[in-house]
């Protein structure tokens, strides 16, 4: 009986540790880096990525995550505002809303929803995986996947 109680306690502690914010962990407040937009339905583009913390809200933080993409004659910008929290010592999910500036025929600013993960890969290096869904006026939606490696400032 003691053995099963100990195992149950250990499993419960592990699950709650994964699901609850890692309060002792420090997410990067600011970073900048480079990467690529690839796969899905957009042409492959070079990405300059960044994160700028605005404020803390309890265990969460509010940040702006400006990014620009260029290559193949296009220039595009993204400006989402996100909420993030650590869930493990190395994984920091985020989600938010923002604006997408697109070129390529008609220059437009469209609303977007964003979400992703910052993954700590070294002391000052973070991999950012990001999915944006852009709501284009009169043209449906556009989905893009971005990957970047970022240096904590």
C-alpha atoms as a PDB file:
ATOM      1  CA  UNK A   1       0.000   0.000   0.000  1.00  0.00           C
ATOM      2  CA  UNK A   2       2.828   2.424   0.833  1.00  0.00           C
ATOM      3  CA  UNK A   3       4.492   1.718  -2.502  1.00  0.00           C
ATOM      4  CA  UNK A   4       1.352   2.547  -4.534  1.00  0.00           C
ATOM      5  CA  UNK A   5       0.735   5.725  -2.496  1.00  0.00           C
ATOM      6  CA  UNK A   6       4.319   6.877  -3.125  1.00  0.00           C
ATOM      7  CA  UNK A   7       4.027   6.186  -6.861  1.00  0.00           C
ATOM      8  CA  UNK A   8       0.705   8.046  -7.016  1.00  0.00           C
ATOM      9  CA  UNK A   9       2.191  11.019  -5.139  1.00  0.00           C
ATOM     10  CA  UNK A  10       5.218  11.067  -7.451  1.00  0.00           C
ATOM     11  CA  UNK A  11       3.038  10.910 -10.586  1.00  0.00           C
ATOM     12  CA  UNK A  12       0.718  13.672  -9.334  1.00  0.00           C
ATOM     13  CA  UNK A  13       3.677  15.919  -8.482  1.00  0.00           C
ATOM     14  CA  UNK A  14       5.213  15.335 -11.934  1.00  0.00           C
ATOM     15  CA  UNK A  15       1.950  16.097 -13.766  1.00  0.00           C
ATOM     16  CA  UNK A  16       1.266  19.243 -11.742  1.00  0.00           C
ATOM     17  CA  UNK A  17       4.846  20.346 -12.302  1.00  0.00           C
ATOM     18  CA  UNK A  18       4.376  20.072 -16.067  1.00  0.00           C
ATOM     19  CA  UNK A  19       0.996  21.819 -16.112  1.00  0.00           C
ATOM     20  CA  UNK A  20       1.718  24.654 -13.692  1.00  0.00           C
ATOM     21  CA  UNK A  21       3.977  27.616 -14.477  1.00  0.00           C
ATOM     22  CA  UNK A  22       7.616  27.092 -13.560  1.00  0.00           C
ATOM     23  CA  UNK A  23       7.834  30.062 -11.207  1.00  0.00           C
ATOM     24  CA  UNK A  24      11.550  29.724 -10.578  1.00  0.00           C
ATOM     25  CA  UNK A  25      12.315  29.799 -14.309  1.00  0.00           C
ATOM     26  CA  UNK A  26      13.199  33.028 -16.039  1.00  0.00           C
ATOM     27  CA  UNK A  27      11.905  33.529 -19.563  1.00  0.00           C
ATOM     28  CA  UNK A  28      13.997  35.738 -21.831  1.00  0.00           C
ATOM     29  CA  UNK A  29      12.773  39.351 -21.590  1.00  0.00           C
ATOM     30  CA  UNK A  30      14.434  40.408 -24.834  1.00  0.00           C
ATOM     31  CA  UNK A  31      15.983  38.559 -27.739  1.00  0.00           C
ATOM     32  CA  UNK A  32      16.812  38.940 -31.392  1.00  0.00           C
ATOM     33  CA  UNK A  33      17.690  36.436 -34.057  1.00  0.00           C
ATOM     34  CA  UNK A  34      17.406  35.063 -37.549  1.00  0.00           C
ATOM     35  CA  UNK A  35      15.498  32.229 -39.126  1.00  0.00           C
ATOM     36  CA  UNK A  36      13.279  31.047 -41.933  1.00  0.00           C
ATOM     37  CA  UNK A  37       9.620  30.921 -42.927  1.00  0.00           C
ATOM     38  CA  UNK A  38       9.126  27.569 -44.609  1.00  0.00           C
ATOM     39  CA  UNK A  39       6.656  24.817 -45.501  1.00  0.00           C
ATOM     40  CA  UNK A  40       2.895  25.458 -45.627  1.00  0.00           C
ATOM     41  CA  UNK A  41       1.613  27.737 -48.419  1.00  0.00           C
ATOM     42  CA  UNK A  42       4.090  30.663 -48.380  1.00  0.00           C
ATOM     43  CA  UNK A  43       7.359  30.970 -50.279  1.00  0.00           C
ATOM     44  CA  UNK A  44      10.464  30.323 -48.189  1.00  0.00           C
ATOM     45  CA  UNK A  45      11.714  33.620 -46.750  1.00  0.00           C
ATOM     46  CA  UNK A  46      14.495  34.875 -44.501  1.00  0.00           C
ATOM     47  CA  UNK A  47      13.215  36.033 -41.055  1.00  0.00           C
ATOM     48  CA  UNK A  48      14.571  38.556 -38.565  1.00  0.00           C
ATOM     49  CA  UNK A  49      12.822  37.813 -35.266  1.00  0.00           C
ATOM     50  CA  UNK A  50      12.671  39.538 -31.861  1.00  0.00           C
ATOM     51  CA  UNK A  51      10.930  39.647 -28.498  1.00  0.00           C
ATOM     52  CA  UNK A  52      10.431  42.698 -26.282  1.00  0.00           C
ATOM     53  CA  UNK A  53       8.813  42.182 -22.868  1.00  0.00           C
ATOM     54  CA  UNK A  54       6.215  44.822 -22.012  1.00  0.00           C
ATOM     55  CA  UNK A  55       5.240  43.819 -18.469  1.00  0.00           C
ATOM     56  CA  UNK A  56       4.699  40.943 -16.031  1.00  0.00           C
ATOM     57  CA  UNK A  57       1.204  39.806 -15.072  1.00  0.00           C
ATOM     58  CA  UNK A  58       1.632  37.372 -12.188  1.00  0.00           C
ATOM     59  CA  UNK A  59       3.251  34.180 -13.538  1.00  0.00           C
ATOM     60  CA  UNK A  60       2.704  35.419 -17.102  1.00  0.00           C
ATOM     61  CA  UNK A  61       4.321  38.149 -19.155  1.00  0.00           C
ATOM     62  CA  UNK A  62       3.071  40.346 -21.984  1.00  0.00           C
ATOM     63  CA  UNK A  63       5.443  40.873 -24.920  1.00  0.00           C
ATOM     64  CA  UNK A  64       5.648  42.324 -28.408  1.00  0.00           C
ATOM     65  CA  UNK A  65       7.263  39.992 -30.961  1.00  0.00           C
ATOM     66  CA  UNK A  66       8.059  42.024 -34.089  1.00  0.00           C
ATOM     67  CA  UNK A  67       9.428  40.118 -37.084  1.00  0.00           C
ATOM     68  CA  UNK A  68      10.255  40.926 -40.700  1.00  0.00           C
ATOM     69  CA  UNK A  69      10.491  38.529 -43.632  1.00  0.00           C
ATOM     70  CA  UNK A  70      12.136  39.099 -46.981  1.00  0.00           C
ATOM     71  CA  UNK A  71      13.367  37.231 -50.001  1.00  0.00           C
ATOM     72  CA  UNK A  72      12.164  36.594 -53.530  1.00  0.00           C
ATOM     73  CA  UNK A  73      11.107  40.211 -53.980  1.00  0.00           C
ATOM     74  CA  UNK A  74       8.846  40.348 -50.919  1.00  0.00           C
ATOM     75  CA  UNK A  75       8.988  42.275 -47.655  1.00  0.00           C
ATOM     76  CA  UNK A  76       6.535  41.451 -44.902  1.00  0.00           C
ATOM     77  CA  UNK A  77       6.202  42.462 -41.259  1.00  0.00           C
ATOM     78  CA  UNK A  78       4.489  40.952 -38.244  1.00  0.00           C
ATOM     79  CA  UNK A  79       3.645  42.682 -34.959  1.00  0.00           C
ATOM     80  CA  UNK A  80       1.905  40.381 -32.481  1.00  0.00           C
ATOM     81  CA  UNK A  81       1.393  41.015 -28.775  1.00  0.00           C
ATOM     82  CA  UNK A  82       1.591  37.767 -26.803  1.00  0.00           C
ATOM     83  CA  UNK A  83       1.082  36.317 -23.353  1.00  0.00           C
ATOM     84  CA  UNK A  84       3.619  33.688 -22.250  1.00  0.00           C
ATOM     85  CA  UNK A  85       4.512  31.559 -19.258  1.00  0.00           C
ATOM     86  CA  UNK A  86       7.115  28.876 -18.584  1.00  0.00           C
ATOM     87  CA  UNK A  87       5.795  25.326 -18.253  1.00  0.00           C
ATOM     88  CA  UNK A  88       9.179  23.590 -17.840  1.00  0.00           C
ATOM     89  CA  UNK A  89      12.719  24.886 -17.287  1.00  0.00           C
ATOM     90  CA  UNK A  90      13.249  25.054 -21.064  1.00  0.00           C
ATOM     91  CA  UNK A  91       9.808  25.421 -22.716  1.00  0.00           C
ATOM     92  CA  UNK A  92       7.906  28.708 -22.843  1.00  0.00           C
ATOM     93  CA  UNK A  93       4.631  28.659 -24.842  1.00  0.00           C
ATOM     94  CA  UNK A  94       2.960  31.856 -26.011  1.00  0.00           C
ATOM     95  CA  UNK A  95      -0.191  33.006 -27.813  1.00  0.00           C
ATOM     96  CA  UNK A  96      -1.551  36.328 -28.934  1.00  0.00           C
ATOM     97  CA  UNK A  97      -3.017  38.676 -31.510  1.00  0.00           C
ATOM     98  CA  UNK A  98      -1.437  41.143 -33.867  1.00  0.00           C
ATOM     99  CA  UNK A  99      -1.092  42.715 -37.274  1.00  0.00           C
ATOM    100  CA  UNK A 100       0.503  41.392 -40.461  1.00  0.00           C
ATOM    101  CA  UNK A 101       1.862  43.718 -43.156  1.00  0.00           C
ATOM    102  CA  UNK A 102       1.998  42.008 -46.534  1.00  0.00           C
ATOM    103  CA  UNK A 103       3.384  43.061 -49.901  1.00  0.00           C
ATOM    104  CA  UNK A 104       3.137  41.364 -53.255  1.00  0.00           C
ATOM    105  CA  UNK A 105       0.630  43.198 -55.389  1.00  0.00           C
ATOM    106  CA  UNK A 106      -1.553  44.848 -52.766  1.00  0.00           C
ATOM    107  CA  UNK A 107       0.112  46.201 -49.658  1.00  0.00           C
ATOM    108  CA  UNK A 108      -2.269  45.504 -46.800  1.00  0.00           C
ATOM    109  CA  UNK A 109      -2.369  45.271 -43.030  1.00  0.00           C
ATOM    110  CA  UNK A 110      -4.411  42.323 -41.792  1.00  0.00           C
ATOM    111  CA  UNK A 111      -5.261  40.922 -38.334  1.00  0.00           C
ATOM    112  CA  UNK A 112      -3.583  37.713 -37.208  1.00  0.00           C
ATOM    113  CA  UNK A 113      -3.554  35.125 -34.429  1.00  0.00           C
ATOM    114  CA  UNK A 114      -0.182  33.748 -33.349  1.00  0.00           C
ATOM    115  CA  UNK A 115       1.127  30.992 -31.129  1.00  0.00           C
ATOM    116  CA  UNK A 116       4.383  29.235 -30.553  1.00  0.00           C
ATOM    117  CA  UNK A 117       7.120  27.964 -28.304  1.00  0.00           C
ATOM    118  CA  UNK A 118      10.383  29.439 -27.131  1.00  0.00           C
ATOM    119  CA  UNK A 119      12.708  26.540 -26.376  1.00  0.00           C
ATOM    120  CA  UNK A 120      15.931  27.149 -24.466  1.00  0.00           C
ATOM    121  CA  UNK A 121      18.771  25.352 -26.276  1.00  0.00           C
ATOM    122  CA  UNK A 122      21.772  26.936 -24.501  1.00  0.00           C
ATOM    123  CA  UNK A 123      22.468  29.548 -21.813  1.00  0.00           C
ATOM    124  CA  UNK A 124      21.534  32.507 -24.063  1.00  0.00           C
ATOM    125  CA  UNK A 125      20.079  30.776 -27.157  1.00  0.00           C
ATOM    126  CA  UNK A 126      16.389  30.133 -27.783  1.00  0.00           C
ATOM    127  CA  UNK A 127      14.656  28.364 -30.654  1.00  0.00           C
ATOM    128  CA  UNK A 128      11.369  30.073 -31.540  1.00  0.00           C
ATOM    129  CA  UNK A 129       8.793  28.014 -33.422  1.00  0.00           C
ATOM    130  CA  UNK A 130       5.863  30.160 -34.464  1.00  0.00           C
ATOM    131  CA  UNK A 131       2.565  29.619 -36.282  1.00  0.00           C
ATOM    132  CA  UNK A 132       0.630  32.625 -37.608  1.00  0.00           C
ATOM    133  CA  UNK A 133      -2.886  32.608 -39.040  1.00  0.00           C
ATOM    134  CA  UNK A 134      -3.517  35.797 -40.998  1.00  0.00           C
ATOM    135  CA  UNK A 135      -7.076  36.881 -41.853  1.00  0.00           C
ATOM    136  CA  UNK A 136      -6.732  38.510 -45.275  1.00  0.00           C
ATOM    137  CA  UNK A 137      -9.466  40.932 -46.276  1.00  0.00           C
ATOM    138  CA  UNK A 138     -11.545  39.289 -49.001  1.00  0.00           C
ATOM    139  CA  UNK A 139      -9.018  36.472 -49.542  1.00  0.00           C
ATOM    140  CA  UNK A 140      -9.608  34.011 -46.699  1.00  0.00           C
ATOM    141  CA  UNK A 141      -6.757  33.053 -44.393  1.00  0.00           C
ATOM    142  CA  UNK A 142      -3.039  32.523 -44.774  1.00  0.00           C
ATOM    143  CA  UNK A 143      -1.061  30.252 -42.457  1.00  0.00           C
ATOM    144  CA  UNK A 144       2.704  30.475 -42.024  1.00  0.00           C
ATOM    145  CA  UNK A 145       5.301  28.605 -40.007  1.00  0.00           C
ATOM    146  CA  UNK A 146       8.458  30.367 -38.794  1.00  0.00           C
ATOM    147  CA  UNK A 147      11.590  29.020 -37.126  1.00  0.00           C
ATOM    148  CA  UNK A 148      14.338  31.210 -35.692  1.00  0.00           C
ATOM    149  CA  UNK A 149      17.335  30.973 -33.397  1.00  0.00           C
ATOM    150  CA  UNK A 150      17.524  33.907 -31.007  1.00  0.00           C
ATOM    151  CA  UNK A 151      20.145  35.381 -28.697  1.00  0.00           C
ATOM    152  CA  UNK A 152      18.977  36.584 -25.274  1.00  0.00           C
ATOM    153  CA  UNK A 153      19.970  40.223 -24.818  1.00  0.00           C
END
